[in-house]
Amino acid sequence: MVAIQTVSAVIGAQTRHGLARSIAQRFPRPVVYALVLLLVLANTLNIAADLAAMGAALQLLIGGRALAYALAFGLACLGAEVWVPYHRYAGYLKFLTLALLVYVVAAFTLHIPWSRVAVATFAPSITLHRDLMLTIVAVFGTTISPYLFFWQASQEAEEQRLLQQRARRARAPSASAQSAAGNPSRTRLRRISLDTWTGMAFSNVIAFCIIATTATTLHARGITHIDTAAQAAEALRPIAGELTFVLFAAGIVGTGLLAVPVLAGSAAYAVADVVGLRGSLELPARSARGFYGIMTAATLGGAALAVTKVNVVAMLFWTAVVNGLVAVPIMIAMMLLVSGRAGAKSFPLPAWLRALGWLATLIMAVAAAALAGSALL
């Protein structure tokens, strides 16, 4: 995770534009269009599932109508993306990540048999059963997700453009201007690495706590079929107590507020890069109508799906599977960009980081192949 996210960040920082444009410069356009289309579809489904889950969770906490809450959340996220400049918006997103800590708190309100959890974590029982392979690909698709690649690259590109603008305004010394222009910098790579290691460690701890909480409470008591995220939170109430229920439900809302803008934004960045639209969260809506139109379409499309009677958990699960499969060709394209003589010259990455990037790509490809093989058995 760290390696591939660092690679995507460096691509954005060095080129000062998004990942889709970098890939399009090296690979056939039809392939890039297909990958971006799959990304947009997966992101829209993800937005729908997140909004529906947020509405249902808030209904559990305060009552009212879940569908109305889902639409309100969608409009609120869209308004923030359109009207708040990127340099402030990025700070809000970082602050929202604190909402994820409720899952850690929820885990420690339970009596989890950590010794058994450790054994199952480091010595799992793995078979080539289709359901297990689907779950593995879905977990990979959730943690090593294509939308994160595009968002990370675009975010770094935004940061570099902001640095360049500030340097021009202040008439900064040549060293600062050089850094803002996107030239190789060990300091920048250290900063990207620190950010990525911190973020990936944080996300994995959160994911582990969610898995441990639900496994200890729901799965251990034979509750293996959940149709909505709110249903999962409600099922925790009699088993784990009121505090865990409230924390889990509040975590669903906080996670959605963090995820929906990133999903819509990454889709808009990818499409804008491929078709040549002017796109940046730092620009006002009147200066980037196409970019914000894509973001609006993705958010409202997700909101429209959220008010239908779809199985939210199933939608999230299959979207994660699609993400896990789509990630493979995108990771291959990314690694090819930064490898070889031309890649090493344009993107000065340590050899060990490239090796880890290729290893992550291989693991994802093997998981996808195993899933295809299990479907034929």
Protein backbone atom coordinates (compact mmCIF):
# COMPACT_ATOMS: atom_id res chain seq x y z
CA MET A 1 0.00 0.00 0.00
CA VAL A 2 2.67 2.48 0.99
CA ALA A 3 4.81 1.80 -2.06
CA ILE A 4 2.05 2.12 -4.64
CA GLN A 5 0.56 5.23 -3.01
CA THR A 6 4.01 6.81 -2.85
CA VAL A 7 4.51 6.07 -6.54
CA SER A 8 1.20 7.76 -7.42
CA ALA A 9 2.10 10.76 -5.24
CA VAL A 10 5.51 11.17 -6.87
CA ILE A 11 3.98 10.97 -10.34
CA GLY A 12 1.63 13.83 -9.46
CA ALA A 13 4.33 15.89 -7.74
CA GLN A 14 6.86 15.54 -10.55
CA THR A 15 4.50 16.11 -13.48
CA ARG A 16 2.18 18.58 -11.72
CA HIS A 17 -0.86 16.99 -13.32
CA GLY A 18 -3.06 14.00 -12.63
CA LEU A 19 -2.39 10.30 -13.00
CA ALA A 20 -4.79 9.81 -15.92
CA ARG A 21 -2.89 12.30 -18.07
CA SER A 22 0.44 10.66 -17.28
CA ILE A 23 -0.92 7.22 -18.19
CA ALA A 24 -2.56 8.59 -21.36
CA GLN A 25 0.81 9.91 -22.56
CA ARG A 26 2.31 6.42 -22.54
CA PHE A 27 -0.57 4.03 -23.27
CA PRO A 28 -3.32 3.68 -25.92
CA ARG A 29 -6.22 6.04 -25.45
CA PRO A 30 -8.94 3.34 -25.61
CA VAL A 31 -7.29 1.52 -22.69
CA VAL A 32 -7.14 4.72 -20.63
CA TYR A 33 -10.76 5.59 -21.47
CA ALA A 34 -11.89 2.11 -20.37
CA LEU A 35 -10.00 2.36 -17.07
CA VAL A 36 -11.36 5.83 -16.32
CA LEU A 37 -14.92 4.73 -17.19
CA LEU A 38 -14.66 1.80 -14.77
CA LEU A 39 -13.28 4.18 -12.13
CA VAL A 40 -16.20 6.61 -12.56
CA LEU A 41 -18.79 3.81 -12.39
CA ALA A 42 -17.20 2.26 -9.31
CA ASN A 43 -16.91 5.65 -7.60
CA THR A 44 -20.55 6.51 -8.32
CA LEU A 45 -21.69 3.20 -6.83
CA ASN A 46 -19.45 3.84 -3.84
CA ILE A 47 -20.95 7.28 -3.35
CA ALA A 48 -24.45 5.80 -3.47
CA ALA A 49 -23.63 3.16 -0.87
CA ASP A 50 -21.89 5.69 1.39
CA LEU A 51 -24.77 8.18 1.26
CA ALA A 52 -27.36 5.47 1.92
CA ALA A 53 -25.31 4.19 4.87
CA MET A 54 -24.88 7.71 6.28
CA GLY A 55 -28.61 8.42 6.05
CA ALA A 56 -29.55 5.14 7.75
CA ALA A 57 -26.94 5.63 10.49
CA LEU A 58 -28.14 9.15 11.28
CA GLN A 59 -31.71 7.86 11.39
CA LEU A 60 -30.65 5.36 14.03
CA LEU A 61 -29.02 8.11 16.08
CA ILE A 62 -31.66 10.86 15.95
CA GLY A 63 -34.68 9.43 14.10
CA GLY A 64 -36.24 10.95 10.99
CA ARG A 65 -36.11 9.86 7.36
CA ALA A 66 -32.98 8.10 6.10
CA LEU A 67 -33.55 9.05 2.44
CA ALA A 68 -33.84 12.74 3.29
CA TYR A 69 -30.61 12.55 5.28
CA ALA A 70 -28.84 10.77 2.40
CA LEU A 71 -29.84 13.50 -0.07
CA ALA A 72 -28.85 16.22 2.41
CA PHE A 73 -25.43 14.66 2.94
CA GLY A 74 -24.93 14.44 -0.82
CA LEU A 75 -25.80 18.09 -1.36
CA ALA A 76 -23.64 19.18 1.60
CA CYS A 77 -20.60 17.29 0.27
CA LEU A 78 -21.17 18.71 -3.21
CA GLY A 79 -21.51 22.25 -1.88
CA ALA A 80 -18.27 21.95 0.08
CA GLU A 81 -16.40 20.72 -2.99
CA VAL A 82 -17.72 23.50 -5.21
CA TRP A 83 -17.53 26.48 -2.86
CA VAL A 84 -14.53 25.78 -0.60
CA PRO A 85 -11.04 26.33 -2.15
CA TYR A 86 -8.70 23.36 -2.15
CA HIS A 87 -6.15 24.73 0.35
CA ARG A 88 -8.91 25.02 2.97
CA TYR A 89 -10.83 21.97 1.85
CA ALA A 90 -7.77 19.71 2.27
CA GLY A 91 -7.56 20.81 5.89
CA TYR A 92 -11.21 19.91 6.48
CA LEU A 93 -10.66 16.45 4.99
CA LYS A 94 -7.66 15.85 7.25
CA PHE A 95 -9.71 16.91 10.26
CA LEU A 96 -12.51 14.51 9.26
CA THR A 97 -10.10 11.58 9.44
CA LEU A 98 -10.29 11.94 13.23
CA ALA A 99 -13.85 10.61 12.99
CA LEU A 100 -12.38 7.24 12.10
CA LEU A 101 -10.90 6.95 15.59
CA VAL A 102 -14.34 6.04 16.89
CA TYR A 103 -13.80 2.56 15.41
CA VAL A 104 -10.67 2.14 17.54
CA VAL A 105 -12.59 3.29 20.61
CA ALA A 106 -15.44 0.91 19.73
CA ALA A 107 -13.01 -2.02 19.51
CA PHE A 108 -11.64 -1.34 22.98
CA THR A 109 -15.09 -1.14 24.53
CA LEU A 110 -15.38 -4.90 23.86
CA HIS A 111 -13.67 -7.95 25.32
CA ILE A 112 -11.84 -9.09 22.20
CA PRO A 113 -9.71 -12.27 22.49
CA TRP A 114 -6.60 -10.65 21.04
CA SER A 115 -4.50 -13.82 21.20
CA ARG A 116 -6.98 -15.64 18.96
CA VAL A 117 -7.17 -12.60 16.70
CA ALA A 118 -3.36 -12.60 16.36
CA VAL A 119 -3.27 -16.31 15.44
CA ALA A 120 -6.04 -15.88 12.85
CA THR A 121 -4.29 -12.80 11.44
CA PHE A 122 -0.80 -14.26 10.99
CA ALA A 123 -1.77 -17.89 10.34
CA PRO A 124 -5.07 -17.69 8.45
CA SER A 125 -6.77 -20.68 6.87
CA ILE A 126 -6.81 -20.01 3.12
CA THR A 127 -8.52 -22.07 0.44
CA LEU A 128 -9.31 -21.41 -3.21
CA HIS A 129 -13.01 -21.21 -2.43
CA ARG A 130 -14.77 -18.61 -4.58
CA ASP A 131 -16.29 -16.73 -1.63
CA LEU A 132 -12.91 -16.41 0.09
CA MET A 133 -11.23 -15.23 -3.12
CA LEU A 134 -14.01 -12.68 -3.64
CA THR A 135 -13.50 -11.40 -0.10
CA ILE A 136 -9.71 -11.15 -0.52
CA VAL A 137 -10.05 -9.21 -3.79
CA ALA A 138 -12.70 -6.98 -2.16
CA VAL A 139 -10.41 -6.24 0.80
CA PHE A 140 -7.56 -5.42 -1.60
CA GLY A 141 -9.93 -3.26 -3.64
CA THR A 142 -10.91 -1.32 -0.52
CA THR A 143 -7.37 -0.72 0.73
CA ILE A 144 -5.46 -0.47 -2.57
CA SER A 145 -8.19 1.29 -4.50
CA PRO A 146 -7.87 3.00 -7.89
CA TYR A 147 -9.61 6.18 -6.74
CA LEU A 148 -6.88 6.62 -4.13
CA PHE A 149 -4.21 6.52 -6.85
CA PHE A 150 -5.91 9.28 -8.83
CA TRP A 151 -6.72 11.36 -5.76
CA GLN A 152 -3.18 11.11 -4.35
CA ALA A 153 -1.56 12.11 -7.64
CA SER A 154 -3.98 15.02 -8.15
CA GLN A 155 -3.55 16.20 -4.57
CA GLU A 156 0.22 16.32 -4.94
CA ALA A 157 -0.14 18.13 -8.26
CA GLU A 158 -2.39 20.68 -6.54
CA GLU A 159 0.18 21.15 -3.79
CA GLN A 160 2.97 21.75 -6.30
CA ARG A 161 0.89 24.26 -8.25
CA LEU A 162 0.07 26.11 -5.02
CA LEU A 163 3.76 26.19 -4.09
CA GLN A 164 4.60 27.59 -7.51
CA GLN A 165 1.94 30.30 -7.21
CA ARG A 166 3.17 31.30 -3.75
CA ALA A 167 6.75 31.41 -4.98
CA ARG A 168 5.77 33.70 -7.85
CA ARG A 169 3.82 36.05 -5.58
CA ALA A 170 6.63 36.24 -3.02
CA ARG A 171 9.37 36.18 -5.66
CA ALA A 172 10.93 33.35 -3.65
CA PRO A 173 14.62 32.39 -3.81
CA SER A 174 15.63 30.01 -6.56
CA ALA A 175 15.66 26.95 -4.26
CA SER A 176 12.02 27.43 -3.35
CA ALA A 177 11.05 28.13 -6.91
CA GLN A 178 12.91 25.05 -8.05
CA SER A 179 11.08 22.93 -5.49
CA ALA A 180 7.75 24.42 -6.53
CA ALA A 181 8.48 23.70 -10.18
CA GLY A 182 8.57 19.98 -9.51
CA ASN A 183 12.30 19.18 -9.76
CA PRO A 184 13.62 16.08 -7.97
CA SER A 185 13.90 16.69 -4.23
CA ARG A 186 14.87 14.31 -1.44
CA THR A 187 13.04 16.57 0.99
CA ARG A 188 9.85 16.25 -1.01
CA LEU A 189 10.19 12.47 -1.24
CA ARG A 190 10.73 12.27 2.52
CA ARG A 191 7.63 14.39 3.08
CA ILE A 192 5.55 12.24 0.70
CA SER A 193 6.87 9.06 2.31
CA LEU A 194 6.10 10.30 5.82
CA ASP A 195 2.58 11.36 4.83
CA THR A 196 1.92 8.05 3.08
CA TRP A 197 3.34 5.83 5.82
CA THR A 198 1.32 7.72 8.43
CA GLY A 199 -1.89 7.61 6.41
CA MET A 200 -1.60 3.95 5.43
CA ALA A 201 -0.74 2.87 8.99
CA PHE A 202 -3.71 4.83 10.29
CA SER A 203 -6.11 3.35 7.70
CA ASN A 204 -4.95 -0.21 8.35
CA VAL A 205 -5.36 0.14 12.11
CA ILE A 206 -8.90 1.45 11.54
CA ALA A 207 -9.75 -1.38 9.13
CA PHE A 208 -8.33 -3.97 11.54
CA CYS A 209 -10.42 -2.61 14.41
CA ILE A 210 -13.58 -2.75 12.28
CA ILE A 211 -12.86 -6.36 11.28
CA ALA A 212 -12.04 -7.38 14.87
CA THR A 213 -15.16 -5.67 16.24
CA THR A 214 -17.60 -7.24 13.78
CA ALA A 215 -15.92 -10.66 13.95
CA THR A 216 -16.04 -10.72 17.75
CA THR A 217 -19.64 -9.53 18.02
CA LEU A 218 -21.63 -10.42 14.91
CA HIS A 219 -19.84 -13.35 13.26
CA ALA A 220 -19.15 -15.09 16.58
CA ARG A 221 -22.91 -15.13 17.21
CA GLY A 222 -23.86 -16.42 13.80
CA ILE A 223 -24.88 -13.05 12.29
CA THR A 224 -23.29 -13.37 8.85
CA HIS A 225 -25.87 -11.68 6.60
CA ILE A 226 -26.12 -7.89 6.78
CA ASP A 227 -27.96 -5.83 4.16
CA THR A 228 -27.11 -2.31 5.39
CA ALA A 229 -24.35 -0.65 7.39
CA ALA A 230 -27.00 0.67 9.75
CA GLN A 231 -28.23 -2.88 10.28
CA ALA A 232 -24.71 -3.81 11.36
CA ALA A 233 -24.67 -0.93 13.83
CA GLU A 234 -28.13 -1.89 15.14
CA ALA A 235 -27.07 -5.52 15.54
CA LEU A 236 -24.22 -4.38 17.79
CA ARG A 237 -26.60 -2.73 20.29
CA PRO A 238 -27.80 -5.82 22.20
CA ILE A 239 -24.43 -7.58 21.89
CA ALA A 240 -21.86 -4.89 22.60
CA GLY A 241 -23.91 -2.24 24.36
CA GLU A 242 -25.21 1.25 23.66
CA LEU A 243 -21.79 2.96 23.58
CA THR A 244 -20.38 0.67 20.87
CA PHE A 245 -23.59 1.08 18.86
CA VAL A 246 -23.42 4.89 19.01
CA LEU A 247 -19.71 4.96 18.16
CA PHE A 248 -20.14 2.60 15.21
CA ALA A 249 -23.12 4.55 13.83
CA ALA A 250 -21.32 7.89 14.26
CA GLY A 251 -18.28 6.39 12.53
CA ILE A 252 -20.40 5.55 9.48
CA VAL A 253 -21.45 9.20 9.16
CA GLY A 254 -17.91 10.53 9.66
CA THR A 255 -16.41 8.05 7.23
CA GLY A 256 -18.97 8.96 4.57
CA LEU A 257 -18.30 12.68 4.96
CA LEU A 258 -14.64 11.92 4.33
CA ALA A 259 -15.15 9.43 1.47
CA VAL A 260 -17.83 11.05 -0.72
CA PRO A 261 -15.82 14.19 -1.65
CA VAL A 262 -12.72 12.11 -2.39
CA LEU A 263 -14.68 9.68 -4.58
CA ALA A 264 -16.35 12.47 -6.57
CA GLY A 265 -13.15 14.49 -6.78
CA SER A 266 -10.98 11.61 -8.01
CA ALA A 267 -13.55 10.80 -10.73
CA ALA A 268 -13.58 14.43 -11.87
CA TYR A 269 -9.78 14.66 -11.90
CA ALA A 270 -9.47 11.46 -13.95
CA VAL A 271 -12.04 12.46 -16.58
CA ALA A 272 -10.74 16.03 -16.82
CA ASP A 273 -7.18 14.76 -17.33
CA VAL A 274 -8.19 12.37 -20.12
CA VAL A 275 -10.44 14.72 -22.11
CA GLY A 276 -8.29 17.80 -21.55
CA LEU A 277 -10.64 19.83 -19.36
CA ARG A 278 -9.35 22.49 -17.02
CA GLY A 279 -9.78 21.00 -13.59
CA SER A 280 -8.75 21.94 -10.06
CA LEU A 281 -10.48 22.21 -6.69
CA GLU A 282 -8.58 25.47 -6.27
CA LEU A 283 -10.43 27.05 -9.22
CA PRO A 284 -13.88 28.63 -8.80
CA ALA A 285 -16.75 26.78 -10.45
CA ARG A 286 -17.15 29.39 -13.20
CA SER A 287 -13.55 28.77 -14.33
CA ALA A 288 -13.82 24.95 -14.45
CA ARG A 289 -17.44 24.20 -15.35
CA GLY A 290 -16.66 20.85 -16.96
CA PHE A 291 -14.62 19.64 -13.99
CA TYR A 292 -17.27 20.60 -11.45
CA GLY A 293 -19.98 19.26 -13.76
CA ILE A 294 -18.36 15.81 -13.63
CA MET A 295 -18.10 16.03 -9.85
CA THR A 296 -21.74 17.09 -9.62
CA ALA A 297 -22.87 14.26 -11.89
CA ALA A 298 -21.00 11.66 -9.84
CA THR A 299 -22.37 12.97 -6.53
CA LEU A 300 -25.96 13.41 -7.72
CA GLY A 301 -25.84 10.07 -9.55
CA GLY A 302 -24.78 8.45 -6.31
CA ALA A 303 -27.50 10.31 -4.41
CA ALA A 304 -30.12 9.12 -6.93
CA LEU A 305 -29.00 5.52 -6.47
CA ALA A 306 -29.00 5.97 -2.71
CA VAL A 307 -32.74 6.63 -2.65
CA THR A 308 -33.51 3.40 -4.51
CA LYS A 309 -34.12 0.13 -2.69
CA VAL A 310 -30.69 -1.32 -3.37
CA ASN A 311 -28.75 -3.61 -1.07
CA VAL A 312 -26.13 -1.16 0.23
CA VAL A 313 -23.73 -3.74 1.64
CA ALA A 314 -23.88 -5.82 -1.55
CA MET A 315 -23.21 -2.67 -3.58
CA LEU A 316 -20.20 -1.80 -1.43
CA PHE A 317 -18.88 -5.35 -1.63
CA TRP A 318 -19.13 -5.70 -5.40
CA THR A 319 -17.74 -2.22 -5.92
CA ALA A 320 -14.73 -3.26 -3.84
CA VAL A 321 -14.32 -6.37 -6.01
CA VAL A 322 -14.43 -4.22 -9.16
CA ASN A 323 -11.87 -1.85 -7.61
CA GLY A 324 -9.60 -4.79 -6.82
CA LEU A 325 -9.74 -5.98 -10.44
CA VAL A 326 -9.43 -2.52 -12.04
CA ALA A 327 -6.47 -1.67 -9.78
CA VAL A 328 -4.27 -4.31 -11.46
CA PRO A 329 -3.89 -2.72 -14.94
CA ILE A 330 -3.63 0.76 -13.39
CA MET A 331 -0.85 -0.39 -11.05
CA ILE A 332 0.97 -2.02 -13.98
CA ALA A 333 0.71 1.24 -15.95
CA MET A 334 1.98 3.26 -12.96
CA MET A 335 4.95 0.97 -12.38
CA LEU A 336 5.86 1.00 -16.07
CA LEU A 337 5.83 4.81 -15.94
CA VAL A 338 8.43 4.95 -13.16
CA SER A 339 10.54 1.97 -14.30
CA GLY A 340 13.24 1.61 -16.94
CA ARG A 341 15.77 4.27 -17.88
CA ALA A 342 13.24 6.95 -18.76
CA GLY A 343 11.20 6.30 -15.62
CA ALA A 344 14.23 6.32 -13.33
CA LYS A 345 15.32 9.66 -14.81
CA SER A 346 11.90 11.32 -14.60
CA PHE A 347 10.85 9.84 -11.26
CA PRO A 348 13.83 9.47 -8.88
CA LEU A 349 12.57 6.72 -6.60
CA PRO A 350 14.69 4.34 -4.49
CA ALA A 351 15.14 0.88 -5.99
CA TRP A 352 13.52 -0.76 -2.94
CA LEU A 353 10.40 1.35 -3.40
CA ARG A 354 10.09 0.30 -7.04
CA ALA A 355 10.58 -3.32 -5.98
CA LEU A 356 7.80 -3.03 -3.38
CA GLY A 357 5.57 -1.39 -5.97
CA TRP A 358 6.06 -4.30 -8.37
CA LEU A 359 5.51 -6.76 -5.49
CA ALA A 360 2.19 -5.11 -4.60
CA THR A 361 1.20 -5.24 -8.27
CA LEU A 362 2.10 -8.94 -8.44
CA ILE A 363 0.09 -9.75 -5.30
CA MET A 364 -2.96 -7.93 -6.67
CA ALA A 365 -2.60 -9.73 -10.01
CA VAL A 366 -2.27 -13.13 -8.33
CA ALA A 367 -5.39 -12.46 -6.23
CA ALA A 368 -7.34 -11.48 -9.35
CA ALA A 369 -6.11 -14.59 -11.19
CA ALA A 370 -7.00 -16.78 -8.20
CA LEU A 371 -10.51 -15.33 -8.22
CA ALA A 372 -10.87 -16.08 -11.92
CA GLY A 373 -9.56 -19.61 -11.32
CA SER A 374 -11.95 -20.22 -8.41
CA ALA A 375 -14.89 -19.17 -10.60
CA LEU A 376 -13.97 -21.94 -13.07
CA LEU A 377 -13.69 -24.67 -10.43
